[in-house]
């Protein structure tokens, strides 16, 4: 686990982001832990979040997936509204 001061974080955010890929990064304010920087994967794991269908469809690899929707053989019926 890496600890950075707020000043260090502000001066080199890319270092903090890179470090967060290996574990939480603690950011201190006046020497006391104030914030934690996590990778999105770690955040989702900790919160139990799953990817939504929108996230999956927005994936850059989605263009490589063959997806064929078969034609429906069911007849459609107009809705009766009152």
PDB file of N, CA and C in Angstrom:
ATOM      1  N   UNK A   1       0.854  -1.174   0.000  1.00  0.00           N
ATOM      2  CA  UNK A   1       0.000   0.000   0.000  1.00  0.00           C
ATOM      3  C   UNK A   1       0.898   1.235   0.000  1.00  0.00           C
ATOM      4  N   UNK A   2       0.567   2.181  -0.845  1.00  0.00           N
ATOM      5  CA  UNK A   2       1.353   3.408  -0.978  1.00  0.00           C
ATOM      6  C   UNK A   2       0.609   4.549  -0.297  1.00  0.00           C
ATOM      7  N   UNK A   3       1.376   5.428   0.352  1.00  0.00           N
ATOM      8  CA  UNK A   3       0.809   6.615   0.976  1.00  0.00           C
ATOM      9  C   UNK A   3       1.438   7.839   0.331  1.00  0.00           C
ATOM     10  N   UNK A   4       0.592   8.776  -0.093  1.00  0.00           N
ATOM     11  CA  UNK A   4       1.057  10.023  -0.687  1.00  0.00           C
ATOM     12  C   UNK A   4       0.429  11.187   0.064  1.00  0.00           C
ATOM     13  N   UNK A   5       1.172  12.264   0.181  1.00  0.00           N
ATOM     14  CA  UNK A   5       0.586  13.478   0.737  1.00  0.00           C
ATOM     15  C   UNK A   5      -0.305  14.114  -0.336  1.00  0.00           C
ATOM     16  N   UNK A   6      -1.172  14.997   0.074  1.00  0.00           N
ATOM     17  CA  UNK A   6      -2.020  15.701  -0.893  1.00  0.00           C
ATOM     18  C   UNK A   6      -1.169  16.440  -1.910  1.00  0.00           C
ATOM     19  N   UNK A   7      -0.073  17.014  -1.458  1.00  0.00           N
ATOM     20  CA  UNK A   7       0.830  17.741  -2.363  1.00  0.00           C
ATOM     21  C   UNK A   7       1.429  16.793  -3.395  1.00  0.00           C
ATOM     22  N   UNK A   8       1.928  15.629  -2.937  1.00  0.00           N
ATOM     23  CA  UNK A   8       2.501  14.652  -3.863  1.00  0.00           C
ATOM     24  C   UNK A   8       1.452  14.184  -4.874  1.00  0.00           C
ATOM     25  N   UNK A   9       0.236  13.952  -4.389  1.00  0.00           N
ATOM     26  CA  UNK A   9      -0.841  13.530  -5.277  1.00  0.00           C
ATOM     27  C   UNK A   9      -1.114  14.585  -6.342  1.00  0.00           C
ATOM     28  N   UNK A  10      -1.197  15.850  -5.931  1.00  0.00           N
ATOM     29  CA  UNK A  10      -1.463  16.939  -6.875  1.00  0.00           C
ATOM     30  C   UNK A  10      -0.334  17.114  -7.890  1.00  0.00           C
ATOM     31  N   UNK A  11       0.883  16.872  -7.470  1.00  0.00           N
ATOM     32  CA  UNK A  11       2.029  17.052  -8.359  1.00  0.00           C
ATOM     33  C   UNK A  11       2.221  15.884  -9.326  1.00  0.00           C
ATOM     34  N   UNK A  12       1.749  14.695  -8.936  1.00  0.00           N
ATOM     35  CA  UNK A  12       1.987  13.523  -9.785  1.00  0.00           C
ATOM     36  C   UNK A  12       0.811  12.552  -9.710  1.00  0.00           C
ATOM     37  N   UNK A  13      -0.329  12.988 -10.212  1.00  0.00           N
ATOM     38  CA  UNK A  13      -1.537  12.150 -10.183  1.00  0.00           C
ATOM     39  C   UNK A  13      -1.349  10.874 -11.002  1.00  0.00           C
ATOM     40  N   UNK A  14      -0.586  10.935 -12.084  1.00  0.00           N
ATOM     41  CA  UNK A  14      -0.388   9.738 -12.908  1.00  0.00           C
ATOM     42  C   UNK A  14       0.356   8.662 -12.129  1.00  0.00           C
ATOM     43  N   UNK A  15       1.272   9.044 -11.261  1.00  0.00           N
ATOM     44  CA  UNK A  15       1.973   8.071 -10.403  1.00  0.00           C
ATOM     45  C   UNK A  15       0.976   7.402  -9.455  1.00  0.00           C
ATOM     46  N   UNK A  16       0.067   8.195  -8.893  1.00  0.00           N
ATOM     47  CA  UNK A  16      -0.942   7.661  -7.974  1.00  0.00           C
ATOM     48  C   UNK A  16      -1.871   6.701  -8.710  1.00  0.00           C
ATOM     49  N   UNK A  17      -2.299   7.079  -9.930  1.00  0.00           N
ATOM     50  CA  UNK A  17      -3.178   6.196 -10.695  1.00  0.00           C
ATOM     51  C   UNK A  17      -2.479   4.888 -11.020  1.00  0.00           C
ATOM     52  N   UNK A  18      -1.229   4.951 -11.418  1.00  0.00           N
ATOM     53  CA  UNK A  18      -0.474   3.733 -11.731  1.00  0.00           C
ATOM     54  C   UNK A  18      -0.319   2.867 -10.486  1.00  0.00           C
ATOM     55  N   UNK A  19      -0.047   3.489  -9.344  1.00  0.00           N
ATOM     56  CA  UNK A  19       0.117   2.747  -8.099  1.00  0.00           C
ATOM     57  C   UNK A  19      -1.186   2.086  -7.667  1.00  0.00           C
ATOM     58  N   UNK A  20      -2.331   2.706  -7.979  1.00  0.00           N
ATOM     59  CA  UNK A  20      -3.623   2.148  -7.559  1.00  0.00           C
ATOM     60  C   UNK A  20      -3.938   0.835  -8.273  1.00  0.00           C
ATOM     61  N   UNK A  21      -3.254   0.543  -9.370  1.00  0.00           N
ATOM     62  CA  UNK A  21      -3.453  -0.727 -10.057  1.00  0.00           C
ATOM     63  C   UNK A  21      -2.883  -1.886  -9.256  1.00  0.00           C
ATOM     64  N   UNK A  22      -1.975  -1.586  -8.313  1.00  0.00           N
ATOM     65  CA  UNK A  22      -1.364  -2.616  -7.470  1.00  0.00           C
ATOM     66  C   UNK A  22      -1.962  -2.667  -6.076  1.00  0.00           C
ATOM     67  N   UNK A  23      -2.891  -1.767  -5.765  1.00  0.00           N
ATOM     68  CA  UNK A  23      -3.518  -1.752  -4.449  1.00  0.00           C
ATOM     69  C   UNK A  23      -3.937  -0.348  -4.090  1.00  0.00           C
ATOM     70  N   UNK A  24      -4.625  -0.201  -2.958  1.00  0.00           N
ATOM     71  CA  UNK A  24      -5.102   1.117  -2.548  1.00  0.00           C
ATOM     72  C   UNK A  24      -3.967   2.114  -2.335  1.00  0.00           C
ATOM     73  N   UNK A  25      -4.234   3.366  -2.687  1.00  0.00           N
ATOM     74  CA  UNK A  25      -3.273   4.447  -2.446  1.00  0.00           C
ATOM     75  C   UNK A  25      -3.921   5.375  -1.418  1.00  0.00           C
ATOM     76  N   UNK A  26      -3.250   5.540  -0.292  1.00  0.00           N
ATOM     77  CA  UNK A  26      -3.741   6.417   0.773  1.00  0.00           C
ATOM     78  C   UNK A  26      -3.225   7.826   0.506  1.00  0.00           C
ATOM     79  N   UNK A  27      -4.119   8.798   0.545  1.00  0.00           N
ATOM     80  CA  UNK A  27      -3.738  10.203   0.343  1.00  0.00           C
ATOM     81  C   UNK A  27      -3.971  10.914   1.673  1.00  0.00           C
ATOM     82  N   UNK A  28      -2.918  11.529   2.157  1.00  0.00           N
ATOM     83  CA  UNK A  28      -3.002  12.173   3.466  1.00  0.00           C
ATOM     84  C   UNK A  28      -3.238  13.673   3.334  1.00  0.00           C
ATOM     85  N   UNK A  29      -3.807  14.228   4.385  1.00  0.00           N
ATOM     86  CA  UNK A  29      -4.008  15.663   4.491  1.00  0.00           C
ATOM     87  C   UNK A  29      -3.445  16.069   5.848  1.00  0.00           C
ATOM     88  N   UNK A  30      -2.383  16.833   5.811  1.00  0.00           N
ATOM     89  CA  UNK A  30      -1.681  17.230   7.037  1.00  0.00           C
ATOM     90  C   UNK A  30      -1.230  16.023   7.861  1.00  0.00           C
ATOM     91  N   UNK A  31      -0.760  15.012   7.143  1.00  0.00           N
ATOM     92  CA  UNK A  31      -0.202  13.838   7.794  1.00  0.00           C
ATOM     93  C   UNK A  31      -1.213  12.790   8.222  1.00  0.00           C
ATOM     94  N   UNK A  32      -2.486  13.045   8.030  1.00  0.00           N
ATOM     95  CA  UNK A  32      -3.509  12.088   8.439  1.00  0.00           C
ATOM     96  C   UNK A  32      -4.196  11.504   7.204  1.00  0.00           C
ATOM     97  N   UNK A  33      -4.467  10.202   7.205  1.00  0.00           N
ATOM     98  CA  UNK A  33      -5.166   9.600   6.061  1.00  0.00           C
ATOM     99  C   UNK A  33      -6.504  10.298   5.827  1.00  0.00           C
ATOM    100  N   UNK A  34      -6.740  10.717   4.577  1.00  0.00           N
ATOM    101  CA  UNK A  34      -7.964  11.451   4.264  1.00  0.00           C
ATOM    102  C   UNK A  34      -8.752  10.821   3.111  1.00  0.00           C
ATOM    103  N   UNK A  35      -8.056  10.191   2.172  1.00  0.00           N
ATOM    104  CA  UNK A  35      -8.711   9.632   0.987  1.00  0.00           C
ATOM    105  C   UNK A  35      -8.017   8.339   0.593  1.00  0.00           C
ATOM    106  N   UNK A  36      -8.746   7.536  -0.185  1.00  0.00           N
ATOM    107  CA  UNK A  36      -8.184   6.305  -0.733  1.00  0.00           C
ATOM    108  C   UNK A  36      -8.480   6.277  -2.223  1.00  0.00           C
ATOM    109  N   UNK A  37      -7.451   6.022  -3.013  1.00  0.00           N
ATOM    110  CA  UNK A  37      -7.602   5.900  -4.458  1.00  0.00           C
ATOM    111  C   UNK A  37      -7.541   4.417  -4.808  1.00  0.00           C
ATOM    112  N   UNK A  38      -8.589   3.941  -5.512  1.00  0.00           N
ATOM    113  CA  UNK A  38      -8.670   2.538  -5.919  1.00  0.00           C
ATOM    114  C   UNK A  38      -8.837   2.443  -7.423  1.00  0.00           C
ATOM    115  N   UNK A  39      -8.418   1.323  -7.992  1.00  0.00           N
ATOM    116  CA  UNK A  39      -8.753   1.066  -9.395  1.00  0.00           C
ATOM    117  C   UNK A  39     -10.253   0.809  -9.450  1.00  0.00           C
ATOM    118  N   UNK A  40     -10.860   1.017 -10.605  1.00  0.00           N
ATOM    119  CA  UNK A  40     -12.300   0.797 -10.745  1.00  0.00           C
ATOM    120  C   UNK A  40     -12.643  -0.667 -10.517  1.00  0.00           C
ATOM    121  N   UNK A  41     -11.769  -1.573 -10.921  1.00  0.00           N
ATOM    122  CA  UNK A  41     -12.011  -2.996 -10.710  1.00  0.00           C
ATOM    123  C   UNK A  41     -12.070  -3.314  -9.220  1.00  0.00           C
ATOM    124  N   UNK A  42     -11.149  -2.757  -8.450  1.00  0.00           N
ATOM    125  CA  UNK A  42     -11.128  -2.998  -7.010  1.00  0.00           C
ATOM    126  C   UNK A  42     -12.355  -2.376  -6.344  1.00  0.00           C
ATOM    127  N   UNK A  43     -12.734  -1.178  -6.785  1.00  0.00           N
ATOM    128  CA  UNK A  43     -13.923  -0.521  -6.242  1.00  0.00           C
ATOM    129  C   UNK A  43     -15.168  -1.378  -6.488  1.00  0.00           C
ATOM    130  N   UNK A  44     -15.324  -1.877  -7.715  1.00  0.00           N
ATOM    131  CA  UNK A  44     -16.484  -2.702  -8.030  1.00  0.00           C
ATOM    132  C   UNK A  44     -16.476  -3.997  -7.227  1.00  0.00           C
ATOM    133  N   UNK A  45     -15.285  -4.572  -7.036  1.00  0.00           N
ATOM    134  CA  UNK A  45     -15.189  -5.798  -6.245  1.00  0.00           C
ATOM    135  C   UNK A  45     -15.615  -5.532  -4.804  1.00  0.00           C
ATOM    136  N   UNK A  46     -15.151  -4.439  -4.232  1.00  0.00           N
ATOM    137  CA  UNK A  46     -15.475  -4.122  -2.843  1.00  0.00           C
ATOM    138  C   UNK A  46     -16.946  -3.784  -2.643  1.00  0.00           C
ATOM    139  N   UNK A  47     -17.553  -3.128  -3.625  1.00  0.00           N
ATOM    140  CA  UNK A  47     -18.948  -2.723  -3.493  1.00  0.00           C
ATOM    141  C   UNK A  47     -19.919  -3.759  -4.037  1.00  0.00           C
ATOM    142  N   UNK A  48     -19.392  -4.810  -4.656  1.00  0.00           N
ATOM    143  CA  UNK A  48     -20.256  -5.856  -5.197  1.00  0.00           C
ATOM    144  C   UNK A  48     -20.965  -5.444  -6.467  1.00  0.00           C
ATOM    145  N   UNK A  49     -20.501  -4.383  -7.113  1.00  0.00           N
ATOM    146  CA  UNK A  49     -21.132  -3.928  -8.348  1.00  0.00           C
ATOM    147  C   UNK A  49     -20.757  -4.841  -9.497  1.00  0.00           C
ATOM    148  N   UNK A  50     -21.736  -5.057 -10.357  1.00  0.00           N
ATOM    149  CA  UNK A  50     -21.497  -5.823 -11.571  1.00  0.00           C
ATOM    150  C   UNK A  50     -21.613  -4.886 -12.754  1.00  0.00           C
ATOM    151  N   UNK A  51     -21.034  -5.289 -13.856  1.00  0.00           N
ATOM    152  CA  UNK A  51     -21.122  -4.455 -15.053  1.00  0.00           C
ATOM    153  C   UNK A  51     -22.553  -4.457 -15.576  1.00  0.00           C
ATOM    154  N   UNK A  52     -23.004  -3.292 -15.985  1.00  0.00           N
ATOM    155  CA  UNK A  52     -24.336  -3.188 -16.558  1.00  0.00           C
ATOM    156  C   UNK A  52     -24.276  -3.569 -18.032  1.00  0.00           C
ATOM    157  N   UNK A  53     -25.429  -3.809 -18.615  1.00  0.00           N
ATOM    158  CA  UNK A  53     -25.478  -4.125 -20.044  1.00  0.00           C
ATOM    159  C   UNK A  53     -24.920  -2.963 -20.861  1.00  0.00           C
ATOM    160  N   UNK A  54     -25.154  -1.728 -20.404  1.00  0.00           N
ATOM    161  CA  UNK A  54     -24.621  -0.557 -21.114  1.00  0.00           C
ATOM    162  C   UNK A  54     -23.101  -0.560 -21.080  1.00  0.00           C
ATOM    163  N   UNK A  55     -22.508  -0.916 -19.931  1.00  0.00           N
ATOM    164  CA  UNK A  55     -21.045  -1.000 -19.837  1.00  0.00           C
ATOM    165  C   UNK A  55     -20.505  -2.060 -20.782  1.00  0.00           C
ATOM    166  N   UNK A  56     -21.169  -3.203 -20.813  1.00  0.00           N
ATOM    167  CA  UNK A  56     -20.719  -4.288 -21.682  1.00  0.00           C
ATOM    168  C   UNK A  56     -20.813  -3.917 -23.154  1.00  0.00           C
ATOM    169  N   UNK A  57     -21.912  -3.239 -23.531  1.00  0.00           N
ATOM    170  CA  UNK A  57     -22.077  -2.839 -24.932  1.00  0.00           C
ATOM    171  C   UNK A  57     -21.112  -1.737 -25.331  1.00  0.00           C
ATOM    172  N   UNK A  58     -20.661  -0.938 -24.365  1.00  0.00           N
ATOM    173  CA  UNK A  58     -19.723   0.145 -24.654  1.00  0.00           C
ATOM    174  C   UNK A  58     -18.276  -0.356 -24.709  1.00  0.00           C
ATOM    175  N   UNK A  59     -18.074  -1.610 -24.408  1.00  0.00           N
ATOM    176  CA  UNK A  59     -16.734  -2.192 -24.409  1.00  0.00           C
ATOM    177  C   UNK A  59     -16.106  -2.099 -25.798  1.00  0.00           C
ATOM    178  N   UNK A  60     -14.806  -1.785 -25.871  1.00  0.00           N
ATOM    179  CA  UNK A  60     -14.158  -1.692 -27.189  1.00  0.00           C
ATOM    180  C   UNK A  60     -14.135  -3.028 -27.940  1.00  0.00           C
ATOM    181  N   UNK A  61     -14.274  -4.144 -27.218  1.00  0.00           N
ATOM    182  CA  UNK A  61     -14.240  -5.457 -27.859  1.00  0.00           C
ATOM    183  C   UNK A  61     -15.589  -5.895 -28.391  1.00  0.00           C
ATOM    184  N   UNK A  62     -16.632  -5.093 -28.186  1.00  0.00           N
ATOM    185  CA  UNK A  62     -17.979  -5.492 -28.585  1.00  0.00           C
ATOM    186  C   UNK A  62     -18.091  -5.677 -30.102  1.00  0.00           C
ATOM    187  N   UNK A  63     -17.288  -4.975 -30.872  1.00  0.00           N
ATOM    188  CA  UNK A  63     -17.342  -5.100 -32.334  1.00  0.00           C
ATOM    189  C   UNK A  63     -16.887  -6.487 -32.795  1.00  0.00           C
ATOM    190  N   UNK A  64     -16.145  -7.196 -31.973  1.00  0.00           N
ATOM    191  CA  UNK A  64     -15.636  -8.515 -32.336  1.00  0.00           C
ATOM    192  C   UNK A  64     -16.617  -9.646 -32.032  1.00  0.00           C
ATOM    193  N   UNK A  65     -17.771  -9.321 -31.443  1.00  0.00           N
ATOM    194  CA  UNK A  65     -18.740 -10.338 -31.053  1.00  0.00           C
ATOM    195  C   UNK A  65     -19.787 -10.502 -32.146  1.00  0.00           C
ATOM    196  N   UNK A  66     -19.954 -11.744 -32.612  1.00  0.00           N
ATOM    197  CA  UNK A  66     -21.006 -12.037 -33.581  1.00  0.00           C
ATOM    198  C   UNK A  66     -22.314 -12.174 -32.818  1.00  0.00           C
ATOM    199  N   UNK A  67     -23.290 -11.383 -33.198  1.00  0.00           N
ATOM    200  CA  UNK A  67     -24.577 -11.386 -32.505  1.00  0.00           C
ATOM    201  C   UNK A  67     -25.671 -11.344 -33.549  1.00  0.00           C
ATOM    202  N   UNK A  68     -26.368 -12.469 -33.716  1.00  0.00           N
ATOM    203  CA  UNK A  68     -27.431 -12.563 -34.713  1.00  0.00           C
ATOM    204  C   UNK A  68     -28.744 -12.791 -33.965  1.00  0.00           C
ATOM    205  N   UNK A  69     -29.712 -11.945 -34.234  1.00  0.00           N
ATOM    206  CA  UNK A  69     -31.030 -12.086 -33.610  1.00  0.00           C
ATOM    207  C   UNK A  69     -31.929 -12.784 -34.616  1.00  0.00           C
ATOM    208  N   UNK A  70     -32.416 -13.974 -34.260  1.00  0.00           N
ATOM    209  CA  UNK A  70     -33.283 -14.678 -35.203  1.00  0.00           C
ATOM    210  C   UNK A  70     -34.628 -13.970 -35.340  1.00  0.00           C
ATOM    211  N   UNK A  71     -35.223 -14.090 -36.530  1.00  0.00           N
ATOM    212  CA  UNK A  71     -36.533 -13.493 -36.752  1.00  0.00           C
ATOM    213  C   UNK A  71     -37.569 -14.216 -35.897  1.00  0.00           C
ATOM    214  N   UNK A  72     -38.471 -13.447 -35.348  1.00  0.00           N
ATOM    215  CA  UNK A  72     -39.539 -14.024 -34.540  1.00  0.00           C
ATOM    216  C   UNK A  72     -40.610 -14.595 -35.457  1.00  0.00           C
ATOM    217  N   UNK A  73     -41.153 -15.741 -35.090  1.00  0.00           N
ATOM    218  CA  UNK A  73     -42.226 -16.350 -35.872  1.00  0.00           C
ATOM    219  C   UNK A  73     -43.580 -16.086 -35.233  1.00  0.00           C
ATOM    220  N   UNK A  74     -43.569 -15.347 -34.131  1.00  0.00           N
ATOM    221  CA  UNK A  74     -44.813 -15.042 -33.438  1.00  0.00           C
ATOM    222  C   UNK A  74     -45.559 -13.931 -34.167  1.00  0.00           C
ATOM    223  N   UNK A  75     -46.883 -14.048 -34.204  1.00  0.00           N
ATOM    224  CA  UNK A  75     -47.701 -13.010 -34.809  1.00  0.00           C
ATOM    225  C   UNK A  75     -47.906 -11.894 -33.797  1.00  0.00           C
ATOM    226  N   UNK A  76     -47.889 -10.695 -34.287  1.00  0.00           N
ATOM    227  CA  UNK A  76     -48.161  -9.572 -33.397  1.00  0.00           C
ATOM    228  C   UNK A  76     -49.643  -9.266 -33.378  1.00  0.00           C
ATOM    229  N   UNK A  77     -50.109  -8.796 -32.256  1.00  0.00           N
ATOM    230  CA  UNK A  77     -51.521  -8.455 -32.079  1.00  0.00           C
ATOM    231  C   UNK A  77     -51.568  -7.043 -31.537  1.00  0.00           C
ATOM    232  N   UNK A  78     -52.477  -6.244 -32.085  1.00  0.00           N
ATOM    233  CA  UNK A  78     -52.616  -4.877 -31.617  1.00  0.00           C
ATOM    234  C   UNK A  78     -53.169  -4.887 -30.183  1.00  0.00           C
ATOM    235  N   UNK A  79     -52.658  -3.979 -29.370  1.00  0.00           N
ATOM    236  CA  UNK A  79     -53.133  -3.862 -28.004  1.00  0.00           C
ATOM    237  C   UNK A  79     -54.513  -3.242 -27.976  1.00  0.00           C
ATOM    238  N   UNK A  80     -55.377  -3.721 -27.091  1.00  0.00           N
ATOM    239  CA  UNK A  80     -56.703  -3.159 -26.928  1.00  0.00           C
ATOM    240  C   UNK A  80     -56.665  -2.160 -25.780  1.00  0.00           C
ATOM    241  N   UNK A  81     -56.764  -0.899 -26.109  1.00  0.00           N
ATOM    242  CA  UNK A  81     -56.724   0.161 -25.098  1.00  0.00           C
ATOM    243  C   UNK A  81     -58.125   0.700 -24.874  1.00  0.00           C
ATOM    244  N   UNK A  82     -58.460   0.953 -23.643  1.00  0.00           N
ATOM    245  CA  UNK A  82     -59.793   1.491 -23.335  1.00  0.00           C
ATOM    246  C   UNK A  82     -59.669   2.893 -22.821  1.00  0.00           C
TER     247      UNK A  82
END
